[in-house]
Amino acid sequence: MKKNVYVGLHEDAYGGMTPTGLLVKDAWVFNILPESQDCKGWTREQLLALNEKVIAAWAPHGSMVSNLPPDVSARHTLIHDAAITKARALGWPPPMDDED
């Protein structure tokens, strides 16, 4: 039986506009992973361990971008804005969620 593994951020839907893609990008934001690591081939267990690290990195900031220090906020904007631009070019339909 083939083990389920992540396709990698660059092969993920619309360039990573999924919960796992968001996790990888946030790991980049906090320098938990280098931007060259897209987690291709990672197992569920590896992604869960990464998730714990990302949650711990967000915790001091209340999981809010507005609470990030300026350098980390700038990195967040750079990474996520580039991802959104790429996703839109690939036809990504942004969520129509008025609750955010």
PDB file of N, CA and C in Angstrom:
ATOM      1  N   MET A   1       0.848  -1.187   0.000  1.00  0.00           N
ATOM      2  CA  MET A   1       0.000   0.000   0.000  1.00  0.00           C
ATOM      3  C   MET A   1       0.890   1.246   0.000  1.00  0.00           C
ATOM      4  N   LYS A   2       0.587   2.170  -0.882  1.00  0.00           N
ATOM      5  CA  LYS A   2       1.354   3.405  -0.978  1.00  0.00           C
ATOM      6  C   LYS A   2       0.998   4.330   0.177  1.00  0.00           C
ATOM      7  N   LYS A   3       2.013   4.880   0.794  1.00  0.00           N
ATOM      8  CA  LYS A   3       1.813   5.810   1.903  1.00  0.00           C
ATOM      9  C   LYS A   3       1.380   7.165   1.354  1.00  0.00           C
ATOM     10  N   ASN A   4       0.364   7.760   1.977  1.00  0.00           N
ATOM     11  CA  ASN A   4      -0.079   9.091   1.562  1.00  0.00           C
ATOM     12  C   ASN A   4       0.978  10.108   1.924  1.00  0.00           C
ATOM     13  N   VAL A   5       1.352  10.897   0.947  1.00  0.00           N
ATOM     14  CA  VAL A   5       2.331  11.953   1.167  1.00  0.00           C
ATOM     15  C   VAL A   5       1.828  13.232   0.496  1.00  0.00           C
ATOM     16  N   TYR A   6       2.336  14.345   0.980  1.00  0.00           N
ATOM     17  CA  TYR A   6       1.958  15.653   0.447  1.00  0.00           C
ATOM     18  C   TYR A   6       2.611  15.849  -0.923  1.00  0.00           C
ATOM     19  N   VAL A   7       1.857  16.437  -1.846  1.00  0.00           N
ATOM     20  CA  VAL A   7       2.353  16.655  -3.207  1.00  0.00           C
ATOM     21  C   VAL A   7       3.404  17.763  -3.275  1.00  0.00           C
ATOM     22  N   GLY A   8       3.469  18.567  -2.248  1.00  0.00           N
ATOM     23  CA  GLY A   8       4.395  19.701  -2.226  1.00  0.00           C
ATOM     24  C   GLY A   8       3.663  20.990  -2.552  1.00  0.00           C
ATOM     25  N   LEU A   9       4.122  22.064  -1.979  1.00  0.00           N
ATOM     26  CA  LEU A   9       3.476  23.362  -2.146  1.00  0.00           C
ATOM     27  C   LEU A   9       3.332  23.738  -3.614  1.00  0.00           C
ATOM     28  N   HIS A  10       4.361  23.495  -4.413  1.00  0.00           N
ATOM     29  CA  HIS A  10       4.350  23.924  -5.804  1.00  0.00           C
ATOM     30  C   HIS A  10       3.421  23.084  -6.670  1.00  0.00           C
ATOM     31  N   GLU A  11       3.058  21.913  -6.209  1.00  0.00           N
ATOM     32  CA  GLU A  11       2.128  21.041  -6.935  1.00  0.00           C
ATOM     33  C   GLU A  11       0.734  21.058  -6.311  1.00  0.00           C
ATOM     34  N   ASP A  12       0.575  21.725  -5.209  1.00  0.00           N
ATOM     35  CA  ASP A  12      -0.695  21.802  -4.496  1.00  0.00           C
ATOM     36  C   ASP A  12      -1.662  22.684  -5.289  1.00  0.00           C
ATOM     37  N   ALA A  13      -2.950  22.592  -4.955  1.00  0.00           N
ATOM     38  CA  ALA A  13      -3.981  23.353  -5.655  1.00  0.00           C
ATOM     39  C   ALA A  13      -3.663  24.840  -5.678  1.00  0.00           C
ATOM     40  N   TYR A  14      -3.674  25.412  -6.879  1.00  0.00           N
ATOM     41  CA  TYR A  14      -3.425  26.843  -7.082  1.00  0.00           C
ATOM     42  C   TYR A  14      -2.136  27.309  -6.412  1.00  0.00           C
ATOM     43  N   GLY A  15      -1.113  26.480  -6.444  1.00  0.00           N
ATOM     44  CA  GLY A  15       0.178  26.854  -5.886  1.00  0.00           C
ATOM     45  C   GLY A  15       0.223  26.871  -4.374  1.00  0.00           C
ATOM     46  N   GLY A  16      -0.689  26.127  -3.739  1.00  0.00           N
ATOM     47  CA  GLY A  16      -0.647  26.002  -2.285  1.00  0.00           C
ATOM     48  C   GLY A  16      -1.701  26.776  -1.531  1.00  0.00           C
ATOM     49  N   MET A  17      -2.831  27.005  -2.134  1.00  0.00           N
ATOM     50  CA  MET A  17      -3.906  27.727  -1.452  1.00  0.00           C
ATOM     51  C   MET A  17      -4.818  26.736  -0.718  1.00  0.00           C
ATOM     52  N   THR A  18      -4.209  25.898   0.072  1.00  0.00           N
ATOM     53  CA  THR A  18      -4.888  24.882   0.882  1.00  0.00           C
ATOM     54  C   THR A  18      -4.399  25.027   2.313  1.00  0.00           C
ATOM     55  N   PRO A  19      -5.039  24.377   3.266  1.00  0.00           N
ATOM     56  CA  PRO A  19      -4.534  24.448   4.637  1.00  0.00           C
ATOM     57  C   PRO A  19      -3.076  23.984   4.761  1.00  0.00           C
ATOM     58  N   THR A  20      -2.708  22.938   4.035  1.00  0.00           N
ATOM     59  CA  THR A  20      -1.321  22.475   4.111  1.00  0.00           C
ATOM     60  C   THR A  20      -0.383  23.478   3.456  1.00  0.00           C
ATOM     61  N   GLY A  21      -0.813  24.060   2.356  1.00  0.00           N
ATOM     62  CA  GLY A  21      -0.008  25.096   1.705  1.00  0.00           C
ATOM     63  C   GLY A  21       0.193  26.300   2.604  1.00  0.00           C
ATOM     64  N   LEU A  22      -0.858  26.691   3.313  1.00  0.00           N
ATOM     65  CA  LEU A  22      -0.751  27.796   4.273  1.00  0.00           C
ATOM     66  C   LEU A  22       0.244  27.450   5.376  1.00  0.00           C
ATOM     67  N   LEU A  23       0.201  26.231   5.831  1.00  0.00           N
ATOM     68  CA  LEU A  23       1.144  25.768   6.869  1.00  0.00           C
ATOM     69  C   LEU A  23       2.583  25.921   6.389  1.00  0.00           C
ATOM     70  N   VAL A  24       2.861  25.472   5.175  1.00  0.00           N
ATOM     71  CA  VAL A  24       4.222  25.564   4.633  1.00  0.00           C
ATOM     72  C   VAL A  24       4.643  27.019   4.524  1.00  0.00           C
ATOM     73  N   LYS A  25       3.766  27.874   4.010  1.00  0.00           N
ATOM     74  CA  LYS A  25       4.114  29.293   3.875  1.00  0.00           C
ATOM     75  C   LYS A  25       4.350  29.944   5.237  1.00  0.00           C
ATOM     76  N   ASP A  26       3.544  29.585   6.226  1.00  0.00           N
ATOM     77  CA  ASP A  26       3.774  30.132   7.565  1.00  0.00           C
ATOM     78  C   ASP A  26       5.084  29.614   8.164  1.00  0.00           C
ATOM     79  N   ALA A  27       5.447  28.395   7.840  1.00  0.00           N
ATOM     80  CA  ALA A  27       6.747  27.873   8.290  1.00  0.00           C
ATOM     81  C   ALA A  27       7.876  28.689   7.663  1.00  0.00           C
ATOM     82  N   TRP A  28       7.695  29.131   6.433  1.00  0.00           N
ATOM     83  CA  TRP A  28       8.679  30.014   5.801  1.00  0.00           C
ATOM     84  C   TRP A  28       8.716  31.364   6.518  1.00  0.00           C
ATOM     85  N   VAL A  29       7.534  31.905   6.803  1.00  0.00           N
ATOM     86  CA  VAL A  29       7.446  33.218   7.464  1.00  0.00           C
ATOM     87  C   VAL A  29       8.268  33.231   8.748  1.00  0.00           C
ATOM     88  N   PHE A  30       8.144  32.169   9.542  1.00  0.00           N
ATOM     89  CA  PHE A  30       8.828  32.103  10.832  1.00  0.00           C
ATOM     90  C   PHE A  30      10.208  31.451  10.746  1.00  0.00           C
ATOM     91  N   ASN A  31      10.701  31.239   9.533  1.00  0.00           N
ATOM     92  CA  ASN A  31      12.016  30.628   9.320  1.00  0.00           C
ATOM     93  C   ASN A  31      12.143  29.261   9.980  1.00  0.00           C
ATOM     94  N   ILE A  32      11.037  28.548  10.057  1.00  0.00           N
ATOM     95  CA  ILE A  32      11.070  27.163  10.544  1.00  0.00           C
ATOM     96  C   ILE A  32      11.595  26.270   9.427  1.00  0.00           C
ATOM     97  N   LEU A  33      11.240  26.629   8.197  1.00  0.00           N
ATOM     98  CA  LEU A  33      11.737  25.943   7.006  1.00  0.00           C
ATOM     99  C   LEU A  33      12.319  26.977   6.054  1.00  0.00           C
ATOM    100  N   PRO A  34      13.331  26.594   5.282  1.00  0.00           N
ATOM    101  CA  PRO A  34      13.805  27.495   4.228  1.00  0.00           C
ATOM    102  C   PRO A  34      12.776  27.519   3.092  1.00  0.00           C
ATOM    103  N   GLU A  35      12.727  28.602   2.354  1.00  0.00           N
ATOM    104  CA  GLU A  35      11.761  28.711   1.264  1.00  0.00           C
ATOM    105  C   GLU A  35      12.015  27.692   0.153  1.00  0.00           C
ATOM    106  N   SER A  36      13.161  27.077   0.141  1.00  0.00           N
ATOM    107  CA  SER A  36      13.443  26.037  -0.850  1.00  0.00           C
ATOM    108  C   SER A  36      12.755  24.717  -0.496  1.00  0.00           C
ATOM    109  N   GLN A  37      12.246  24.593   0.723  1.00  0.00           N
ATOM    110  CA  GLN A  37      11.587  23.358   1.173  1.00  0.00           C
ATOM    111  C   GLN A  37      10.078  23.497   0.952  1.00  0.00           C
ATOM    112  N   ASP A  38       9.524  22.723   0.016  1.00  0.00           N
ATOM    113  CA  ASP A  38       8.074  22.795  -0.228  1.00  0.00           C
ATOM    114  C   ASP A  38       7.328  21.596   0.360  1.00  0.00           C
ATOM    115  N   CYS A  39       8.047  20.750   1.094  1.00  0.00           N
ATOM    116  CA  CYS A  39       7.481  19.603   1.818  1.00  0.00           C
ATOM    117  C   CYS A  39       6.960  18.501   0.906  1.00  0.00           C
ATOM    118  N   LYS A  40       7.391  18.488  -0.338  1.00  0.00           N
ATOM    119  CA  LYS A  40       7.001  17.423  -1.260  1.00  0.00           C
ATOM    120  C   LYS A  40       7.454  16.078  -0.694  1.00  0.00           C
ATOM    121  N   GLY A  41       6.511  15.129  -0.640  1.00  0.00           N
ATOM    122  CA  GLY A  41       6.816  13.795  -0.147  1.00  0.00           C
ATOM    123  C   GLY A  41       6.706  13.643   1.358  1.00  0.00           C
ATOM    124  N   TRP A  42       6.342  14.710   2.055  1.00  0.00           N
ATOM    125  CA  TRP A  42       6.229  14.630   3.516  1.00  0.00           C
ATOM    126  C   TRP A  42       4.999  13.817   3.903  1.00  0.00           C
ATOM    127  N   THR A  43       5.138  13.090   4.982  1.00  0.00           N
ATOM    128  CA  THR A  43       4.040  12.283   5.499  1.00  0.00           C
ATOM    129  C   THR A  43       3.149  13.122   6.409  1.00  0.00           C
ATOM    130  N   ARG A  44       2.009  12.557   6.729  1.00  0.00           N
ATOM    131  CA  ARG A  44       1.078  13.216   7.643  1.00  0.00           C
ATOM    132  C   ARG A  44       1.761  13.521   8.980  1.00  0.00           C
ATOM    133  N   GLU A  45       2.551  12.578   9.459  1.00  0.00           N
ATOM    134  CA  GLU A  45       3.244  12.756  10.744  1.00  0.00           C
ATOM    135  C   GLU A  45       4.230  13.918  10.675  1.00  0.00           C
ATOM    136  N   GLN A  46       4.949  14.029   9.573  1.00  0.00           N
ATOM    137  CA  GLN A  46       5.898  15.137   9.419  1.00  0.00           C
ATOM    138  C   GLN A  46       5.156  16.480   9.378  1.00  0.00           C
ATOM    139  N   LEU A  47       4.026  16.506   8.672  1.00  0.00           N
ATOM    140  CA  LEU A  47       3.253  17.739   8.580  1.00  0.00           C
ATOM    141  C   LEU A  47       2.626  18.105   9.919  1.00  0.00           C
ATOM    142  N   LEU A  48       2.199  17.119  10.686  1.00  0.00           N
ATOM    143  CA  LEU A  48       1.664  17.396  12.026  1.00  0.00           C
ATOM    144  C   LEU A  48       2.741  17.975  12.937  1.00  0.00           C
ATOM    145  N   ALA A  49       3.959  17.446  12.846  1.00  0.00           N
ATOM    146  CA  ALA A  49       5.066  17.981  13.646  1.00  0.00           C
ATOM    147  C   ALA A  49       5.374  19.417  13.231  1.00  0.00           C
ATOM    148  N   LEU A  50       5.331  19.688  11.928  1.00  0.00           N
ATOM    149  CA  LEU A  50       5.537  21.054  11.438  1.00  0.00           C
ATOM    150  C   LEU A  50       4.433  21.969  11.947  1.00  0.00           C
ATOM    151  N   ASN A  51       3.206  21.473  11.917  1.00  0.00           N
ATOM    152  CA  ASN A  51       2.070  22.253  12.408  1.00  0.00           C
ATOM    153  C   ASN A  51       2.273  22.676  13.861  1.00  0.00           C
ATOM    154  N   GLU A  52       2.764  21.779  14.681  1.00  0.00           N
ATOM    155  CA  GLU A  52       3.023  22.115  16.098  1.00  0.00           C
ATOM    156  C   GLU A  52       4.031  23.249  16.215  1.00  0.00           C
ATOM    157  N   LYS A  53       5.068  23.228  15.386  1.00  0.00           N
ATOM    158  CA  LYS A  53       6.085  24.284  15.420  1.00  0.00           C
ATOM    159  C   LYS A  53       5.498  25.623  14.966  1.00  0.00           C
ATOM    160  N   VAL A  54       4.668  25.573  13.942  1.00  0.00           N
ATOM    161  CA  VAL A  54       4.058  26.807  13.433  1.00  0.00           C
ATOM    162  C   VAL A  54       3.073  27.376  14.466  1.00  0.00           C
ATOM    163  N   ILE A  55       2.290  26.516  15.088  1.00  0.00           N
ATOM    164  CA  ILE A  55       1.370  26.969  16.144  1.00  0.00           C
ATOM    165  C   ILE A  55       2.157  27.644  17.271  1.00  0.00           C
ATOM    166  N   ALA A  56       3.266  27.045  17.656  1.00  0.00           N
ATOM    167  CA  ALA A  56       4.097  27.619  18.726  1.00  0.00           C
ATOM    168  C   ALA A  56       4.679  28.972  18.302  1.00  0.00           C
ATOM    169  N   ALA A  57       5.026  29.112  17.027  1.00  0.00           N
ATOM    170  CA  ALA A  57       5.573  30.384  16.549  1.00  0.00           C
ATOM    171  C   ALA A  57       4.506  31.479  16.530  1.00  0.00           C
ATOM    172  N   TRP A  58       3.267  31.117  16.204  1.00  0.00           N
ATOM    173  CA  TRP A  58       2.178  32.091  16.170  1.00  0.00           C
ATOM    174  C   TRP A  58       1.706  32.479  17.570  1.00  0.00           C
ATOM    175  N   ALA A  59       1.822  31.584  18.529  1.00  0.00           N
ATOM    176  CA  ALA A  59       1.242  31.778  19.867  1.00  0.00           C
ATOM    177  C   ALA A  59       1.587  33.125  20.517  1.00  0.00           C
ATOM    178  N   PRO A  60       2.840  33.555  20.525  1.00  0.00           N
ATOM    179  CA  PRO A  60       3.143  34.835  21.183  1.00  0.00           C
ATOM    180  C   PRO A  60       2.473  36.039  20.512  1.00  0.00           C
ATOM    181  N   HIS A  61       1.967  35.840  19.311  1.00  0.00           N
ATOM    182  CA  HIS A  61       1.367  36.933  18.543  1.00  0.00           C
ATOM    183  C   HIS A  61      -0.151  36.800  18.457  1.00  0.00           C
ATOM    184  N   GLY A  62      -0.703  35.865  19.232  1.00  0.00           N
ATOM    185  CA  GLY A  62      -2.145  35.673  19.231  1.00  0.00           C
ATOM    186  C   GLY A  62      -2.693  35.238  17.882  1.00  0.00           C
ATOM    187  N   SER A  63      -1.841  34.635  17.065  1.00  0.00           N
ATOM    188  CA  SER A  63      -2.224  34.179  15.720  1.00  0.00           C
ATOM    189  C   SER A  63      -2.758  35.313  14.847  1.00  0.00           C
ATOM    190  N   MET A  64      -2.279  36.527  15.113  1.00  0.00           N
ATOM    191  CA  MET A  64      -2.732  37.693  14.351  1.00  0.00           C
ATOM    192  C   MET A  64      -1.554  38.377  13.662  1.00  0.00           C
ATOM    193  N   VAL A  65      -1.686  38.579  12.367  1.00  0.00           N
ATOM    194  CA  VAL A  65      -0.632  39.241  11.597  1.00  0.00           C
ATOM    195  C   VAL A  65      -0.338  40.621  12.175  1.00  0.00           C
ATOM    196  N   SER A  66      -1.359  41.307  12.613  1.00  0.00           N
ATOM    197  CA  SER A  66      -1.176  42.666  13.141  1.00  0.00           C
ATOM    198  C   SER A  66      -0.309  42.694  14.403  1.00  0.00           C
ATOM    199  N   ASN A  67      -0.127  41.558  15.051  1.00  0.00           N
ATOM    200  CA  ASN A  67       0.704  41.498  16.252  1.00  0.00           C
ATOM    201  C   ASN A  67       2.145  41.064  15.961  1.00  0.00           C
ATOM    202  N   LEU A  68       2.450  40.779  14.714  1.00  0.00           N
ATOM    203  CA  LEU A  68       3.811  40.357  14.372  1.00  0.00           C
ATOM    204  C   LEU A  68       4.770  41.537  14.441  1.00  0.00           C
ATOM    205  N   PRO A  69       6.028  41.283  14.802  1.00  0.00           N
ATOM    206  CA  PRO A  69       7.015  42.360  14.735  1.00  0.00           C
ATOM    207  C   PRO A  69       7.176  42.804  13.275  1.00  0.00           C
ATOM    208  N   PRO A  70       7.607  44.043  13.052  1.00  0.00           N
ATOM    209  CA  PRO A  70       7.668  44.579  11.689  1.00  0.00           C
ATOM    210  C   PRO A  70       8.412  43.702  10.679  1.00  0.00           C
ATOM    211  N   ASP A  71       9.538  43.128  11.055  1.00  0.00           N
ATOM    212  CA  ASP A  71      10.290  42.316  10.103  1.00  0.00           C
ATOM    213  C   ASP A  71       9.541  41.031   9.727  1.00  0.00           C
ATOM    214  N   VAL A  72       8.898  40.416  10.687  1.00  0.00           N
ATOM    215  CA  VAL A  72       8.145  39.184  10.421  1.00  0.00           C
ATOM    216  C   VAL A  72       6.865  39.526   9.652  1.00  0.00           C
ATOM    217  N   SER A  73       6.234  40.635   9.983  1.00  0.00           N
ATOM    218  CA  SER A  73       5.044  41.081   9.266  1.00  0.00           C
ATOM    219  C   SER A  73       5.373  41.336   7.798  1.00  0.00           C
ATOM    220  N   ALA A  74       6.494  41.982   7.555  1.00  0.00           N
ATOM    221  CA  ALA A  74       6.916  42.252   6.175  1.00  0.00           C
ATOM    222  C   ALA A  74       7.168  40.949   5.421  1.00  0.00           C
ATOM    223  N   ARG A  75       7.778  39.988   6.092  1.00  0.00           N
ATOM    224  CA  ARG A  75       8.038  38.678   5.472  1.00  0.00           C
ATOM    225  C   ARG A  75       6.716  37.968   5.173  1.00  0.00           C
ATOM    226  N   HIS A  76       5.773  38.039   6.114  1.00  0.00           N
ATOM    227  CA  HIS A  76       4.450  37.447   5.915  1.00  0.00           C
ATOM    228  C   HIS A  76       3.779  38.056   4.676  1.00  0.00           C
ATOM    229  N   THR A  77       3.789  39.366   4.597  1.00  0.00           N
ATOM    230  CA  THR A  77       3.177  40.056   3.465  1.00  0.00           C
ATOM    231  C   THR A  77       3.835  39.639   2.158  1.00  0.00           C
ATOM    232  N   LEU A  78       5.141  39.614   2.123  1.00  0.00           N
ATOM    233  CA  LEU A  78       5.874  39.247   0.915  1.00  0.00           C
ATOM    234  C   LEU A  78       5.514  37.831   0.456  1.00  0.00           C
ATOM    235  N   ILE A  79       5.557  36.877   1.364  1.00  0.00           N
ATOM    236  CA  ILE A  79       5.299  35.470   1.029  1.00  0.00           C
ATOM    237  C   ILE A  79       3.844  35.255   0.628  1.00  0.00           C
ATOM    238  N   HIS A  80       2.925  35.759   1.433  1.00  0.00           N
ATOM    239  CA  HIS A  80       1.510  35.503   1.160  1.00  0.00           C
ATOM    240  C   HIS A  80       0.981  36.318  -0.027  1.00  0.00           C
ATOM    241  N   ASP A  81       1.454  37.536  -0.215  1.00  0.00           N
ATOM    242  CA  ASP A  81       1.020  38.310  -1.383  1.00  0.00           C
ATOM    243  C   ASP A  81       1.501  37.652  -2.678  1.00  0.00           C
ATOM    244  N   ALA A  82       2.729  37.145  -2.683  1.00  0.00           N
ATOM    245  CA  ALA A  82       3.244  36.442  -3.868  1.00  0.00           C
ATOM    246  C   ALA A  82       2.415  35.186  -4.142  1.00  0.00           C
ATOM    247  N   ALA A  83       2.031  34.485  -3.094  1.00  0.00           N
ATOM    248  CA  ALA A  83       1.222  33.271  -3.256  1.00  0.00           C
ATOM    249  C   ALA A  83      -0.155  33.610  -3.816  1.00  0.00           C
ATOM    250  N   ILE A  84      -0.752  34.683  -3.340  1.00  0.00           N
ATOM    251  CA  ILE A  84      -2.072  35.094  -3.823  1.00  0.00           C
ATOM    252  C   ILE A  84      -1.999  35.516  -5.290  1.00  0.00           C
ATOM    253  N   THR A  85      -0.971  36.253  -5.648  1.00  0.00           N
ATOM    254  CA  THR A  85      -0.787  36.671  -7.037  1.00  0.00           C
ATOM    255  C   THR A  85      -0.651  35.455  -7.944  1.00  0.00           C
ATOM    256  N   LYS A  86       0.155  34.495  -7.534  1.00  0.00           N
ATOM    257  CA  LYS A  86       0.345  33.269  -8.323  1.00  0.00           C
ATOM    258  C   LYS A  86      -0.968  32.492  -8.423  1.00  0.00           C
ATOM    259  N   ALA A  87      -1.664  32.352  -7.311  1.00  0.00           N
ATOM    260  CA  ALA A  87      -2.919  31.595  -7.298  1.00  0.00           C
ATOM    261  C   ALA A  87      -3.957  32.233  -8.222  1.00  0.00           C
ATOM    262  N   ARG A  88      -4.056  33.540  -8.201  1.00  0.00           N
ATOM    263  CA  ARG A  88      -5.021  34.219  -9.079  1.00  0.00           C
ATOM    264  C   ARG A  88      -4.656  34.011 -10.534  1.00  0.00           C
ATOM    265  N   ALA A  89      -3.371  34.017 -10.852  1.00  0.00           N
ATOM    266  CA  ALA A  89      -2.932  33.764 -12.225  1.00  0.00           C
ATOM    267  C   ALA A  89      -3.291  32.343 -12.669  1.00  0.00           C
ATOM    268  N   LEU A  90      -3.372  31.429 -11.709  1.00  0.00           N
ATOM    269  CA  LEU A  90      -3.747  30.045 -11.993  1.00  0.00           C
ATOM    270  C   LEU A  90      -5.259  29.828 -11.964  1.00  0.00           C
ATOM    271  N   GLY A  91      -6.031  30.911 -11.740  1.00  0.00           N
ATOM    272  CA  GLY A  91      -7.483  30.817 -11.744  1.00  0.00           C
ATOM    273  C   GLY A  91      -8.124  30.574 -10.399  1.00  0.00           C
ATOM    274  N   TRP A  92      -7.375  30.772  -9.334  1.00  0.00           N
ATOM    275  CA  TRP A  92      -7.895  30.562  -7.977  1.00  0.00           C
ATOM    276  C   TRP A  92      -9.057  31.497  -7.691  1.00  0.00           C
ATOM    277  N   PRO A  93     -10.177  30.926  -7.252  1.00  0.00           N
ATOM    278  CA  PRO A  93     -11.296  31.776  -6.833  1.00  0.00           C
ATOM    279  C   PRO A  93     -11.200  32.037  -5.329  1.00  0.00           C
ATOM    280  N   PRO A  94     -10.852  33.259  -4.917  1.00  0.00           N
ATOM    281  CA  PRO A  94     -10.747  33.551  -3.482  1.00  0.00           C
ATOM    282  C   PRO A  94     -12.065  33.224  -2.764  1.00  0.00           C
ATOM    283  N   PRO A  95     -11.968  32.789  -1.513  1.00  0.00           N
ATOM    284  CA  PRO A  95     -13.188  32.483  -0.766  1.00  0.00           C
ATOM    285  C   PRO A  95     -14.058  33.727  -0.618  1.00  0.00           C
ATOM    286  N   MET A  96     -15.331  33.527  -0.724  1.00  0.00           N
ATOM    287  CA  MET A  96     -16.278  34.635  -0.572  1.00  0.00           C
ATOM    288  C   MET A  96     -16.849  34.584   0.840  1.00  0.00           C
ATOM    289  N   ASP A  97     -15.977  34.764   1.813  1.00  0.00           N
ATOM    290  CA  ASP A  97     -16.335  34.623   3.217  1.00  0.00           C
ATOM    291  C   ASP A  97     -16.364  35.998   3.868  1.00  0.00           C
ATOM    292  N   ASP A  98     -17.525  36.456   4.240  1.00  0.00           N
ATOM    293  CA  ASP A  98     -17.664  37.771   4.853  1.00  0.00           C
ATOM    294  C   ASP A  98     -17.388  37.786   6.345  1.00  0.00           C
ATOM    295  N   GLU A  99     -17.091  36.629   6.918  1.00  0.00           N
ATOM    296  CA  GLU A  99     -16.901  36.559   8.374  1.00  0.00           C
ATOM    297  C   GLU A  99     -15.493  36.930   8.805  1.00  0.00           C
ATOM    298  N   ASP A 100     -14.538  37.041   7.889  1.00  0.00           N
ATOM    299  CA  ASP A 100     -13.158  37.373   8.249  1.00  0.00           C
ATOM    300  C   ASP A 100     -12.974  38.847   8.403  1.00  0.00           C
TER     301      ASP A 100
END
